[in-house]
Amino acid sequence: MNDPAGCRLSHLIAAARLWLILITVFAYSLHPVFGQVLRLETTSGNTGGKLNCSLRAEPKTLNPVFAMDVSSRTVTSIMHADLLHINRKTDVVEPSLARSWEVTRGGQSYTLHLRRGVRFSDGTPFTADDVLFSFQVYLDPEVNAPQRDLLIIDGKPLQVVKVDSLTIRVDLPRPYAAAARLFDGLAMLPSHLLEPVKRSGKLQDAWSIATPAAQIAGLGPFRLKNYLPGQAMILERNPYFWKQDGAQRTLPYLDELDFAFLANQDAESIRFAAGQLDLLARLSADSYGVLDKDAGQKHFQMIDGGPGLEFDFLLFNLNSDVAGRLPEAAATQKWFQQTAFRQALSFAVNRDVLVNLAFQNHAVPLASPVTPASQAWLSPQTRPEKQDLSRARKLLADAGFQIRDGSLFDSAGKQVKFTILAASSNRQRSEIASMLRRDFAELGIDAQVVSLEFRSLLQRVTQNHDYDTAVMGLSAGDTEPNGNLSLWLSDGNLHLWNLGQKKPATPWESEIDDAMHRQMFLTNVPVRRKTYARVQEIYREQLPFLSLASPNMLGAARAGLIGVLPSPLDPAMLDNVAAFYWKN
């Protein structure tokens, strides 16, 4: 026998459950972090306020696919997010938009599980379709994205498959040692905004700096608010950001980031000292020293993050196209082609004094292009040379050089003299060139410093190959070995000592090529480390250029700004910007 009251109660309970489900779904659809947030192990900070920063040039684009200049990369890295992220403090790959991942098929397949409930900064849900579209963009040869080379392994592209709405599988042509790091810095794009643009063939024109803010969406902690041509770019807090602090409060803490466009470090330092900027990054040792004198009185803190990935070096002209085309360069090149001569010059350099004077001790002497920022891969046997003039003179004497009346002559009786190019706009490198000139004079070498405007220097080094030596600087793209691939490989576009090679010109270059290709696919870390150590050992034996010093990551921050963590990887001082807050 049916109980009407009981039936009504059952219906009421069922209805309540249905409403609870609907309310939950509705809340899920509205709440930006109702899903699987990434919770940071941070103490709770204060919310609100803004950060006044600077850029040394206006960004050229807000499209992360084509952002190449420092200003564009800085802004787009804050507006967008990646699937996995390298922890800038530990150098370990950690979850990001992907909450977890599995590696199968012996390292050839990566299955990434996306966070549920993540939304773009315009409120549109982020799904596997966006990931699939993003990889289609980066891999499309017609788009010709700079990131494409990173996604081509052993001559073949990655294959990306959508498993379901929150799962993506990435298949590699073969196991790849640094595969997980490929996902860092690869901005995930909103297919709902950019797929129609890609179909029209106008993706490269999308998201210029003049694009209205409502037409741009990302997954980073901040989104575009306003652009003032020639003056500033303003970002505002992304209300849909998918990270929380330890107290379950949605990040970022700050309401706004204001980037002023300033031409140089001097203009930045003046504005900072006047209290008009809150954070400075990429300071030279000179600017750092000037500000440091007033830090206590003007209530700001100086930041020395230690060595980064940048390294300064003396480049020798070993280009094979010089003979018969540039007789003067070819004449001096005969000396640089002798390994003993290059080794003698290295022993002549006093790197400790160079670090002291040119960098005010905010740098470290280097033995190779691998800086201490890549500590896990730095060979312990590769230590910076101490100045040893006696050893340098013996190397020269054994190679047939002679010192007569204080000057060095080669075995053919020709006096050894050459030029050192340095950029006139870079005081530190000009000073390094002058110090090298004095060091080489101890061997009887007449080295003359020639200052050139930077673009002229770059043209002579990379295009004309019309130079003897040049003081230059580079920065590796990553802390691990593949970050220097384009420098090490003989056909790399940064193989500066002999640009334009199609194949190794020497047996030792062939050995480096072989080792660098092998290490890319070694998943056994100790074996890979040993292989890369051999590359550094070959470099020390051959010295195609002289590694000199690695500048420290220098900056300054207004007192009371909490959360700044200097990083050797972009965006330098701003990688942790989602967790920045003002103490007071």
Protein backbone atom coordinates (compact mmCIF):
# COMPACT_ATOMS: atom_id res chain seq x y z
CA MET A 1 0.00 0.00 0.00
CA ASN A 2 1.47 3.38 -1.08
CA ASP A 3 2.14 6.15 1.45
CA PRO A 4 1.33 9.53 -0.19
CA ALA A 5 3.34 11.43 2.44
CA GLY A 6 6.32 9.15 1.85
CA CYS A 7 6.06 9.65 -1.89
CA ARG A 8 5.97 13.41 -1.46
CA LEU A 9 9.05 13.22 0.79
CA SER A 10 10.89 11.11 -1.79
CA HIS A 11 10.00 13.60 -4.52
CA LEU A 12 11.16 16.49 -2.34
CA ILE A 13 14.51 14.74 -1.64
CA ALA A 14 14.96 13.97 -5.34
CA ALA A 15 14.12 17.56 -6.24
CA ALA A 16 16.56 18.86 -3.63
CA ARG A 17 19.29 16.65 -5.03
CA LEU A 18 18.52 17.88 -8.53
CA TRP A 19 18.68 21.50 -7.39
CA LEU A 20 21.94 20.79 -5.59
CA ILE A 21 23.38 19.36 -8.79
CA LEU A 22 22.13 22.34 -10.82
CA ILE A 23 23.48 24.83 -8.27
CA THR A 24 26.83 23.02 -8.27
CA VAL A 25 26.99 23.05 -12.07
CA PHE A 26 25.97 26.72 -12.11
CA ALA A 27 28.61 27.59 -9.52
CA TYR A 28 31.16 25.55 -11.42
CA SER A 29 30.33 27.50 -14.56
CA LEU A 30 30.73 30.86 -12.84
CA HIS A 31 33.49 30.37 -10.32
CA PRO A 32 36.90 30.80 -11.96
CA VAL A 33 38.70 28.39 -9.63
CA PHE A 34 35.97 25.92 -8.68
CA GLY A 35 37.75 23.13 -10.55
CA GLN A 36 41.19 21.63 -10.05
CA VAL A 37 43.21 24.66 -9.02
CA LEU A 38 46.96 24.66 -8.57
CA ARG A 39 47.57 25.44 -4.92
CA LEU A 40 50.92 27.01 -4.14
CA GLU A 41 52.73 26.33 -0.90
CA THR A 42 52.92 30.01 -0.06
CA THR A 43 51.90 32.04 2.94
CA SER A 44 48.92 34.28 2.48
CA GLY A 45 49.75 37.72 1.08
CA ASN A 46 47.95 41.04 0.96
CA THR A 47 45.62 41.65 -1.97
CA GLY A 48 45.38 44.81 -4.03
CA GLY A 49 47.73 47.48 -5.23
CA LYS A 50 49.76 47.75 -8.40
CA LEU A 51 53.34 47.27 -9.51
CA ASN A 52 55.14 49.88 -11.60
CA CYS A 53 57.68 48.21 -13.91
CA SER A 54 59.51 49.17 -17.08
CA LEU A 55 60.41 47.88 -20.51
CA ARG A 56 63.34 49.23 -22.53
CA ALA A 57 61.26 49.19 -25.69
CA GLU A 58 57.63 48.88 -26.67
CA PRO A 59 56.57 45.28 -27.30
CA LYS A 60 56.43 44.49 -30.99
CA THR A 61 53.51 42.08 -30.59
CA LEU A 62 51.18 40.56 -28.01
CA ASN A 63 51.04 37.32 -29.98
CA PRO A 64 53.07 34.71 -28.04
CA VAL A 65 53.64 32.70 -31.22
CA PHE A 66 55.77 35.45 -32.72
CA ALA A 67 57.13 37.23 -29.64
CA MET A 68 60.89 37.39 -30.17
CA ASP A 69 62.08 40.63 -28.56
CA VAL A 70 62.59 40.85 -24.80
CA SER A 71 59.71 43.29 -24.23
CA SER A 72 57.19 41.17 -26.15
CA ARG A 73 58.34 37.98 -24.43
CA THR A 74 58.11 39.59 -21.00
CA VAL A 75 54.53 40.77 -21.46
CA THR A 76 53.22 37.66 -23.24
CA SER A 77 54.77 35.33 -20.65
CA ILE A 78 52.65 37.05 -18.00
CA MET A 79 49.47 36.99 -20.08
CA HIS A 80 49.75 33.30 -21.02
CA ALA A 81 50.53 29.94 -19.43
CA ASP A 82 52.08 26.59 -20.32
CA LEU A 83 51.12 22.94 -19.84
CA LEU A 84 54.11 22.15 -17.62
CA HIS A 85 56.43 24.64 -16.01
CA ILE A 86 60.06 24.54 -14.96
CA ASN A 87 60.37 25.61 -11.34
CA ARG A 88 62.83 28.50 -11.62
CA LYS A 89 64.23 27.76 -8.16
CA THR A 90 64.67 23.97 -8.34
CA ASP A 91 64.92 23.58 -12.14
CA VAL A 92 62.41 20.71 -11.90
CA VAL A 93 59.45 20.36 -14.29
CA GLU A 94 56.18 20.74 -12.39
CA PRO A 95 52.44 20.64 -13.17
CA SER A 96 50.90 23.76 -14.64
CA LEU A 97 47.81 23.73 -16.88
CA ALA A 98 48.33 19.98 -16.93
CA ARG A 99 47.70 18.72 -13.39
CA SER A 100 49.58 15.45 -14.03
CA TRP A 101 51.16 13.39 -16.76
CA GLU A 102 52.34 9.87 -17.51
CA VAL A 103 55.24 8.72 -19.65
CA THR A 104 54.82 5.45 -21.56
CA ARG A 105 56.30 3.53 -24.50
CA GLY A 106 59.79 3.85 -23.09
CA GLY A 107 59.66 7.64 -23.01
CA GLN A 108 58.03 8.15 -26.41
CA SER A 109 54.53 9.02 -25.27
CA TYR A 110 53.36 11.71 -22.82
CA THR A 111 49.73 11.70 -21.65
CA LEU A 112 48.78 15.03 -20.06
CA HIS A 113 45.69 15.48 -17.89
CA LEU A 114 44.37 19.05 -17.95
CA ARG A 115 42.87 20.83 -14.95
CA ARG A 116 39.12 20.86 -14.83
CA GLY A 117 37.44 24.27 -14.61
CA VAL A 118 40.26 26.38 -16.09
CA ARG A 119 39.11 29.41 -18.09
CA PHE A 120 40.75 31.92 -20.36
CA SER A 121 40.88 35.52 -19.20
CA ASP A 122 37.64 36.23 -21.15
CA GLY A 123 35.81 33.45 -19.26
CA THR A 124 35.86 30.84 -22.04
CA PRO A 125 36.63 27.27 -20.82
CA PHE A 126 40.05 25.84 -21.63
CA THR A 127 39.94 22.31 -23.06
CA ALA A 128 42.01 19.80 -25.00
CA ASP A 129 40.78 21.46 -28.22
CA ASP A 130 42.83 24.54 -27.31
CA VAL A 131 45.91 22.40 -26.70
CA LEU A 132 45.43 20.61 -30.01
CA PHE A 133 45.01 23.92 -31.83
CA SER A 134 48.08 25.39 -30.12
CA PHE A 135 50.30 22.55 -31.28
CA GLN A 136 48.84 22.77 -34.78
CA VAL A 137 49.91 26.42 -34.85
CA TYR A 138 53.41 25.80 -33.54
CA LEU A 139 54.01 22.86 -35.89
CA ASP A 140 52.55 24.41 -39.05
CA PRO A 141 55.43 25.09 -41.49
CA GLU A 142 53.39 27.87 -43.11
CA VAL A 143 53.07 29.67 -39.77
CA ASN A 144 56.85 29.23 -39.35
CA ALA A 145 56.72 29.80 -35.58
CA PRO A 146 60.11 30.10 -33.85
CA GLN A 147 59.01 27.33 -31.47
CA ARG A 148 58.67 24.82 -34.31
CA ASP A 149 62.34 23.79 -34.24
CA LEU A 150 61.95 22.70 -30.61
CA LEU A 151 59.08 20.40 -31.56
CA ILE A 152 60.98 18.65 -34.35
CA ILE A 153 62.86 15.66 -32.94
CA ASP A 154 65.25 13.65 -35.07
CA GLY A 155 63.83 15.38 -38.13
CA LYS A 156 60.22 14.48 -37.34
CA PRO A 157 57.46 16.55 -35.66
CA LEU A 158 55.63 15.61 -32.48
CA GLN A 159 52.22 14.00 -32.94
CA VAL A 160 49.47 15.39 -30.71
CA VAL A 161 46.22 13.46 -30.15
CA LYS A 162 43.11 14.49 -28.24
CA VAL A 163 42.06 11.61 -25.96
CA ASP A 164 39.09 13.40 -24.42
CA SER A 165 38.10 16.94 -23.50
CA LEU A 166 40.68 17.08 -20.68
CA THR A 167 43.36 14.68 -21.91
CA ILE A 168 46.05 15.07 -24.56
CA ARG A 169 48.62 12.53 -25.72
CA VAL A 170 51.90 13.70 -27.24
CA ASP A 171 53.85 11.08 -29.18
CA LEU A 172 57.55 11.61 -29.87
CA PRO A 173 59.42 10.10 -32.84
CA ARG A 174 61.83 8.59 -30.32
CA PRO A 175 62.59 8.95 -26.58
CA TYR A 176 63.90 12.46 -25.93
CA ALA A 177 65.89 13.38 -22.83
CA ALA A 178 64.38 16.82 -22.26
CA ALA A 179 60.86 16.06 -23.50
CA ALA A 180 59.01 17.35 -20.42
CA ARG A 181 60.83 20.69 -20.70
CA LEU A 182 59.39 21.21 -24.19
CA PHE A 183 56.04 22.07 -22.63
CA ASP A 184 57.49 24.94 -20.55
CA GLY A 185 57.01 28.38 -22.07
CA LEU A 186 54.78 27.08 -24.86
CA ALA A 187 51.75 29.35 -24.49
CA MET A 188 48.40 27.64 -24.86
CA LEU A 189 46.25 29.61 -27.30
CA PRO A 190 42.48 30.27 -27.30
CA SER A 191 41.10 28.41 -30.32
CA HIS A 192 37.81 30.32 -30.11
CA LEU A 193 39.66 33.56 -30.91
CA LEU A 194 42.58 32.51 -33.10
CA GLU A 195 41.39 29.50 -35.11
CA PRO A 196 39.31 31.65 -37.51
CA VAL A 197 42.30 33.98 -37.89
CA LYS A 198 44.61 31.06 -38.69
CA ARG A 199 42.20 29.78 -41.32
CA SER A 200 42.27 33.19 -42.98
CA GLY A 201 46.08 33.07 -43.10
CA LYS A 202 46.46 36.21 -40.99
CA LEU A 203 47.69 34.73 -37.72
CA GLN A 204 50.95 36.70 -37.82
CA ASP A 205 48.96 39.94 -37.90
CA ALA A 206 46.76 38.95 -34.95
CA TRP A 207 47.14 40.56 -31.54
CA SER A 208 49.25 43.56 -32.40
CA ILE A 209 49.96 45.94 -29.54
CA ALA A 210 47.05 48.09 -30.77
CA THR A 211 44.50 45.23 -30.56
CA PRO A 212 41.61 46.07 -28.19
CA ALA A 213 41.92 44.27 -24.84
CA ALA A 214 38.56 42.50 -25.29
CA GLN A 215 39.92 40.67 -28.36
CA ILE A 216 42.84 39.06 -26.50
CA ALA A 217 42.58 36.19 -24.00
CA GLY A 218 45.18 34.18 -22.17
CA LEU A 219 45.65 31.86 -19.21
CA GLY A 220 48.25 33.88 -17.33
CA PRO A 221 47.79 35.81 -14.06
CA PHE A 222 47.25 39.14 -15.83
CA ARG A 223 45.42 40.29 -18.95
CA LEU A 224 45.65 43.40 -21.11
CA LYS A 225 43.84 46.45 -19.78
CA ASN A 226 45.20 49.36 -21.80
CA TYR A 227 47.98 50.40 -24.15
CA LEU A 228 49.24 53.98 -24.31
CA PRO A 229 51.39 54.34 -27.46
CA GLY A 230 54.90 55.49 -26.67
CA GLN A 231 54.18 55.59 -22.93
CA ALA A 232 53.03 52.40 -21.22
CA MET A 233 51.22 49.08 -21.31
CA ILE A 234 48.88 48.25 -18.44
CA LEU A 235 47.87 44.74 -17.41
CA GLU A 236 45.11 43.95 -14.94
CA ARG A 237 44.40 40.99 -12.69
CA ASN A 238 42.93 37.97 -14.51
CA PRO A 239 39.76 37.18 -12.50
CA TYR A 240 39.70 33.63 -13.90
CA PHE A 241 43.24 32.67 -12.91
CA TRP A 242 43.60 29.05 -11.83
CA LYS A 243 46.14 29.28 -8.98
CA GLN A 244 45.54 29.77 -5.26
CA ASP A 245 47.76 30.44 -2.27
CA GLY A 246 48.01 28.25 0.83
CA ALA A 247 44.94 29.92 2.32
CA GLN A 248 42.89 29.05 -0.80
CA ARG A 249 42.76 32.63 -2.01
CA THR A 250 42.81 33.12 -5.75
CA LEU A 251 45.97 34.66 -7.21
CA PRO A 252 47.33 37.06 -8.29
CA TYR A 253 47.39 39.36 -5.30
CA LEU A 254 48.15 42.53 -7.27
CA ASP A 255 45.40 44.33 -9.17
CA GLU A 256 47.58 45.82 -11.86
CA LEU A 257 50.97 45.83 -13.59
CA ASP A 258 52.02 49.07 -15.27
CA PHE A 259 54.92 48.82 -17.75
CA ALA A 260 56.47 52.18 -18.63
CA PHE A 261 58.51 52.34 -21.85
CA LEU A 262 61.97 53.71 -20.99
CA ALA A 263 64.90 53.86 -23.38
CA ASN A 264 67.75 52.63 -21.20
CA GLN A 265 69.00 51.67 -17.74
CA ASP A 266 69.88 55.26 -16.85
CA ALA A 267 66.28 56.37 -17.39
CA GLU A 268 65.04 53.36 -15.41
CA SER A 269 67.41 54.03 -12.52
CA ILE A 270 66.40 57.69 -12.32
CA ARG A 271 62.70 56.83 -12.24
CA PHE A 272 63.31 54.05 -9.70
CA ALA A 273 65.34 56.29 -7.38
CA ALA A 274 62.55 58.85 -7.58
CA GLY A 275 60.02 56.27 -6.44
CA GLN A 276 58.21 56.07 -9.80
CA LEU A 277 59.17 52.41 -10.45
CA ASP A 278 58.87 49.49 -8.04
CA LEU A 279 61.04 46.86 -9.73
CA LEU A 280 64.11 46.82 -11.96
CA ALA A 281 65.51 43.80 -13.81
CA ARG A 282 68.56 43.08 -15.97
CA LEU A 283 70.67 45.78 -14.31
CA SER A 284 74.30 46.19 -15.29
CA ALA A 285 76.90 46.10 -12.54
CA ASP A 286 77.40 49.85 -12.98
CA SER A 287 73.73 50.72 -12.49
CA TYR A 288 73.52 48.25 -9.62
CA GLY A 289 76.52 49.88 -7.90
CA VAL A 290 75.09 53.40 -8.22
CA LEU A 291 71.71 52.39 -6.78
CA ASP A 292 73.26 50.28 -4.04
CA LYS A 293 74.88 53.36 -2.50
CA ASP A 294 71.45 54.89 -1.83
CA ALA A 295 69.44 51.74 -1.08
CA GLY A 296 69.30 52.22 2.69
CA GLN A 297 68.29 55.88 2.55
CA LYS A 298 65.73 55.51 -0.21
CA HIS A 299 64.04 52.37 1.10
CA PHE A 300 64.59 49.79 -1.59
CA GLN A 301 66.37 46.46 -1.68
CA MET A 302 69.07 45.36 -4.10
CA ILE A 303 68.75 41.89 -5.66
CA ASP A 304 71.76 39.80 -6.68
CA GLY A 305 70.41 36.48 -7.96
CA GLY A 306 73.83 35.02 -8.77
CA PRO A 307 75.00 33.84 -12.21
CA GLY A 308 72.42 33.48 -14.93
CA LEU A 309 72.70 31.87 -18.35
CA GLU A 310 74.47 34.81 -19.99
CA PHE A 311 78.18 34.54 -20.74
CA ASP A 312 80.69 37.03 -22.17
CA PHE A 313 83.49 35.77 -24.41
CA LEU A 314 86.22 36.70 -26.87
CA LEU A 315 85.34 35.38 -30.31
CA PHE A 316 88.03 34.36 -32.82
CA ASN A 317 87.36 34.66 -36.54
CA LEU A 318 87.66 31.07 -37.72
CA ASN A 319 85.19 31.46 -40.60
CA SER A 320 86.17 29.35 -43.60
CA ASP A 321 85.03 31.94 -46.17
CA VAL A 322 87.66 34.52 -45.23
CA ALA A 323 90.57 33.24 -47.35
CA GLY A 324 90.83 34.99 -50.71
CA ARG A 325 88.07 37.48 -49.81
CA LEU A 326 89.41 39.39 -46.82
CA PRO A 327 93.24 39.37 -46.97
CA GLU A 328 93.79 41.25 -43.68
CA ALA A 329 91.44 39.01 -41.72
CA ALA A 330 92.95 35.95 -43.42
CA ALA A 331 96.43 37.01 -42.33
CA THR A 332 95.54 37.18 -38.63
CA GLN A 333 93.37 34.09 -38.94
CA LYS A 334 96.49 31.98 -39.46
CA TRP A 335 97.36 32.60 -35.80
CA PHE A 336 93.85 31.94 -34.48
CA GLN A 337 93.72 28.64 -36.37
CA GLN A 338 96.53 27.35 -34.14
CA THR A 339 95.16 25.70 -31.00
CA ALA A 340 98.34 26.53 -29.04
CA PHE A 341 97.92 30.23 -29.86
CA ARG A 342 94.32 30.25 -28.61
CA GLN A 343 95.36 28.38 -25.47
CA ALA A 344 98.17 30.88 -24.84
CA LEU A 345 95.71 33.78 -25.05
CA SER A 346 93.45 32.03 -22.55
CA PHE A 347 96.31 31.67 -20.05
CA ALA A 348 97.14 35.35 -20.53
CA VAL A 349 93.68 36.50 -19.36
CA ASN A 350 93.26 37.43 -15.70
CA ARG A 351 89.59 36.52 -15.28
CA ASP A 352 89.55 37.34 -11.56
CA VAL A 353 90.62 40.92 -12.20
CA LEU A 354 88.20 41.14 -15.10
CA VAL A 355 85.29 40.12 -12.85
CA ASN A 356 86.43 42.57 -10.19
CA LEU A 357 86.83 45.61 -12.42
CA ALA A 358 84.33 45.13 -15.24
CA PHE A 359 81.55 43.62 -13.10
CA GLN A 360 82.39 44.93 -9.62
CA ASN A 361 82.44 41.28 -8.50
CA HIS A 362 78.84 40.72 -9.60
CA ALA A 363 79.90 37.93 -11.98
CA VAL A 364 81.88 34.69 -11.96
CA PRO A 365 84.89 33.66 -14.07
CA LEU A 366 84.06 31.07 -16.71
CA ALA A 367 85.85 28.10 -18.20
CA SER A 368 83.22 27.28 -20.83
CA PRO A 369 79.80 28.53 -22.05
CA VAL A 370 78.17 26.40 -19.33
CA THR A 371 77.50 28.77 -16.43
CA PRO A 372 76.87 27.91 -12.76
CA ALA A 373 73.15 28.45 -13.44
CA SER A 374 73.39 25.02 -15.14
CA GLN A 375 74.99 23.49 -12.06
CA ALA A 376 73.59 20.00 -12.69
CA TRP A 377 75.37 19.90 -16.07
CA LEU A 378 78.55 21.82 -15.30
CA SER A 379 81.54 19.49 -15.48
CA PRO A 380 83.51 19.58 -12.20
CA GLN A 381 86.70 19.16 -14.23
CA THR A 382 85.98 22.38 -16.11
CA ARG A 383 87.42 25.13 -13.94
CA PRO A 384 88.29 28.67 -15.05
CA GLU A 385 91.92 29.17 -16.03
CA LYS A 386 94.07 31.19 -13.69
CA GLN A 387 96.39 33.64 -15.38
CA ASP A 388 99.66 31.85 -16.13
CA LEU A 389 101.94 33.96 -18.30
CA SER A 390 104.83 31.50 -18.08
CA ARG A 391 102.69 28.71 -19.48
CA ALA A 392 101.35 31.04 -22.17
CA ARG A 393 104.88 31.99 -23.27
CA LYS A 394 105.93 28.33 -23.40
CA LEU A 395 102.96 27.42 -25.59
CA LEU A 396 103.87 30.22 -27.97
CA ALA A 397 107.55 29.29 -28.03
CA ASP A 398 106.73 25.64 -28.74
CA ALA A 399 104.56 26.82 -31.65
CA GLY A 400 107.43 28.80 -33.17
CA PHE A 401 106.60 32.29 -31.89
CA GLN A 402 109.41 34.54 -30.58
CA ILE A 403 109.53 37.70 -28.49
CA ARG A 404 111.98 40.31 -29.83
CA ASP A 405 112.32 43.78 -28.30
CA GLY A 406 109.10 43.22 -26.36
CA SER A 407 107.01 42.27 -29.40
CA LEU A 408 105.75 38.84 -30.46
CA PHE A 409 106.61 37.50 -33.93
CA ASP A 410 105.41 34.33 -35.62
CA SER A 411 107.64 31.70 -37.24
CA ALA A 412 107.56 33.65 -40.53
CA GLY A 413 108.87 36.77 -38.81
CA LYS A 414 105.57 38.66 -38.89
CA GLN A 415 104.67 40.76 -35.86
CA VAL A 416 101.52 39.54 -34.07
CA LYS A 417 98.96 42.32 -34.00
CA PHE A 418 95.17 42.21 -34.31
CA THR A 419 92.03 44.12 -33.39
CA ILE A 420 89.42 43.49 -30.70
CA LEU A 421 85.95 44.74 -31.60
CA ALA A 422 83.65 45.94 -28.83
CA ALA A 423 80.22 47.57 -28.84
CA SER A 424 80.55 51.26 -27.99
CA SER A 425 77.16 51.21 -26.25
CA ASN A 426 78.22 48.49 -23.79
CA ARG A 427 80.64 49.91 -21.24
CA GLN A 428 81.38 46.57 -19.63
CA ARG A 429 82.37 44.87 -22.87
CA SER A 430 84.44 47.89 -23.90
CA GLU A 431 86.24 47.66 -20.57
CA ILE A 432 86.73 43.90 -21.03
CA ALA A 433 88.32 44.58 -24.43
CA SER A 434 90.73 47.08 -22.89
CA MET A 435 91.67 44.60 -20.15
CA LEU A 436 92.29 41.87 -22.72
CA ARG A 437 94.49 44.28 -24.65
CA ARG A 438 96.62 44.82 -21.52
CA ASP A 439 96.76 41.08 -20.76
CA PHE A 440 97.84 40.22 -24.29
CA ALA A 441 100.50 42.94 -24.18
CA GLU A 442 102.21 40.84 -21.49
CA LEU A 443 102.94 38.34 -24.28
CA GLY A 444 104.21 41.03 -26.64
CA ILE A 445 100.98 41.08 -28.65
CA ASP A 446 99.79 44.39 -30.09
CA ALA A 447 95.99 44.18 -29.77
CA GLN A 448 94.04 47.31 -30.62
CA VAL A 449 90.49 47.91 -29.37
CA VAL A 450 88.03 49.13 -32.01
CA SER A 451 84.69 50.43 -30.73
CA LEU A 452 81.72 50.05 -33.06
CA GLU A 453 78.01 50.76 -32.88
CA PHE A 454 76.38 47.46 -31.96
CA ARG A 455 74.57 46.89 -35.26
CA SER A 456 77.78 47.52 -37.20
CA LEU A 457 79.65 45.08 -34.97
CA LEU A 458 76.94 42.47 -35.40
CA GLN A 459 77.01 42.86 -39.17
CA ARG A 460 80.77 42.43 -39.34
CA VAL A 461 80.70 39.36 -37.12
CA THR A 462 77.61 37.55 -38.41
CA GLN A 463 77.33 38.76 -42.01
CA ASN A 464 80.62 40.01 -43.46
CA HIS A 465 83.01 38.02 -41.22
CA ASP A 466 85.34 41.02 -41.46
CA TYR A 467 87.02 41.05 -38.05
CA ASP A 468 89.89 39.56 -36.06
CA THR A 469 88.35 39.10 -32.61
CA ALA A 470 85.28 40.51 -30.87
CA VAL A 471 84.01 40.73 -27.30
CA MET A 472 80.44 39.45 -27.31
CA GLY A 473 77.79 37.93 -25.09
CA LEU A 474 75.19 35.21 -25.47
CA SER A 475 72.57 33.64 -23.26
CA ALA A 476 71.65 29.95 -23.33
CA GLY A 477 67.99 29.15 -23.85
CA ASP A 478 67.80 26.69 -20.95
CA THR A 479 69.80 25.42 -18.01
CA GLU A 480 70.11 21.96 -19.55
CA PRO A 481 72.39 20.93 -22.47
CA ASN A 482 69.90 21.51 -25.29
CA GLY A 483 69.78 25.19 -24.34
CA ASN A 484 73.14 25.61 -26.13
CA LEU A 485 72.49 23.36 -29.14
CA SER A 486 72.66 26.16 -31.71
CA LEU A 487 76.08 27.17 -30.38
CA TRP A 488 77.62 23.69 -30.18
CA LEU A 489 76.37 22.13 -33.41
CA SER A 490 78.52 22.94 -36.44
CA ASP A 491 75.45 23.85 -38.50
CA GLY A 492 73.82 25.81 -35.66
CA ASN A 493 72.80 29.41 -36.25
CA LEU A 494 74.90 30.52 -33.25
CA HIS A 495 78.02 28.53 -34.18
CA LEU A 496 79.69 31.93 -34.27
CA TRP A 497 83.34 31.03 -34.81
CA ASN A 498 82.52 29.52 -38.21
CA LEU A 499 79.04 30.53 -39.33
CA GLY A 500 77.35 28.94 -42.30
CA GLN A 501 78.92 25.51 -41.93
CA LYS A 502 76.96 22.63 -43.42
CA LYS A 503 79.14 20.00 -41.76
CA PRO A 504 81.99 19.91 -39.21
CA ALA A 505 85.21 21.54 -40.41
CA THR A 506 87.44 19.73 -37.91
CA PRO A 507 87.54 16.29 -36.21
CA TRP A 508 86.85 17.85 -32.82
CA GLU A 509 83.76 19.66 -34.14
CA SER A 510 82.58 16.33 -35.52
CA GLU A 511 83.03 14.77 -32.07
CA ILE A 512 81.03 17.59 -30.46
CA ASP A 513 78.26 17.19 -33.04
CA ASP A 514 78.11 13.46 -32.36
CA ALA A 515 78.04 13.92 -28.58
CA MET A 516 75.36 16.64 -28.69
CA HIS A 517 73.15 14.56 -30.96
CA ARG A 518 73.56 11.50 -28.72
CA GLN A 519 72.84 13.30 -25.46
CA MET A 520 69.49 14.53 -26.81
CA PHE A 521 68.17 10.97 -26.75
CA LEU A 522 69.88 9.65 -23.63
CA THR A 523 67.30 9.11 -20.90
CA ASN A 524 69.97 7.78 -18.53
CA VAL A 525 70.92 10.98 -16.72
CA PRO A 526 74.42 9.94 -15.50
CA VAL A 527 75.37 8.79 -19.01
CA ARG A 528 73.97 11.99 -20.48
CA ARG A 529 75.87 14.08 -17.94
CA LYS A 530 79.10 12.24 -18.82
CA THR A 531 78.48 12.83 -22.53
CA TYR A 532 77.96 16.56 -22.00
CA ALA A 533 81.05 16.71 -19.79
CA ARG A 534 83.03 15.38 -22.76
CA VAL A 535 81.70 18.26 -24.88
CA GLN A 536 82.99 20.72 -22.28
CA GLU A 537 86.32 18.90 -22.17
CA ILE A 538 86.73 19.17 -25.96
CA TYR A 539 85.93 22.87 -25.71
CA ARG A 540 88.66 23.35 -23.10
CA GLU A 541 91.16 21.54 -25.33
CA GLN A 542 90.30 23.49 -28.48
CA LEU A 543 89.02 26.89 -27.27
CA PRO A 544 87.26 28.13 -30.44
CA PHE A 545 86.48 31.21 -28.33
CA LEU A 546 87.52 32.32 -24.85
CA SER A 547 84.80 32.14 -22.20
CA LEU A 548 85.42 35.00 -19.78
CA ALA A 549 82.64 35.64 -17.25
CA SER A 550 78.97 35.12 -16.48
CA PRO A 551 77.23 38.28 -15.14
CA ASN A 552 74.98 37.91 -12.13
CA MET A 553 71.21 38.48 -12.38
CA LEU A 554 70.92 41.94 -10.88
CA GLY A 555 67.85 43.96 -9.98
CA ALA A 556 66.23 46.18 -7.39
CA ALA A 557 62.82 46.28 -5.69
CA ARG A 558 60.91 48.76 -3.61
CA ALA A 559 60.95 47.96 0.10
CA GLY A 560 57.84 46.02 1.07
CA LEU A 561 57.50 44.14 -2.22
CA ILE A 562 57.37 40.43 -1.35
CA GLY A 563 57.82 37.42 -3.63
CA VAL A 564 60.53 38.43 -6.11
CA LEU A 565 62.56 35.37 -7.18
CA PRO A 566 65.31 36.04 -9.76
CA SER A 567 65.29 33.46 -12.54
CA PRO A 568 67.82 32.59 -15.25
CA LEU A 569 64.85 31.78 -17.52
CA ASP A 570 62.36 34.31 -18.86
CA PRO A 571 60.73 36.39 -17.57
CA ALA A 572 63.66 37.01 -15.19
CA MET A 573 62.39 38.87 -12.09
CA LEU A 574 58.70 38.45 -13.00
CA ASP A 575 58.27 34.68 -13.20
CA ASN A 576 56.67 34.62 -9.74
CA VAL A 577 54.56 37.76 -10.33
CA ALA A 578 51.30 35.95 -9.49
CA ALA A 579 52.51 35.70 -5.87
CA PHE A 580 53.88 39.26 -5.56
CA TYR A 581 52.27 41.37 -2.88
CA TRP A 582 52.88 44.52 -0.86
CA LYS A 583 53.73 43.94 2.78
CA ASN A 584 52.03 47.16 3.86
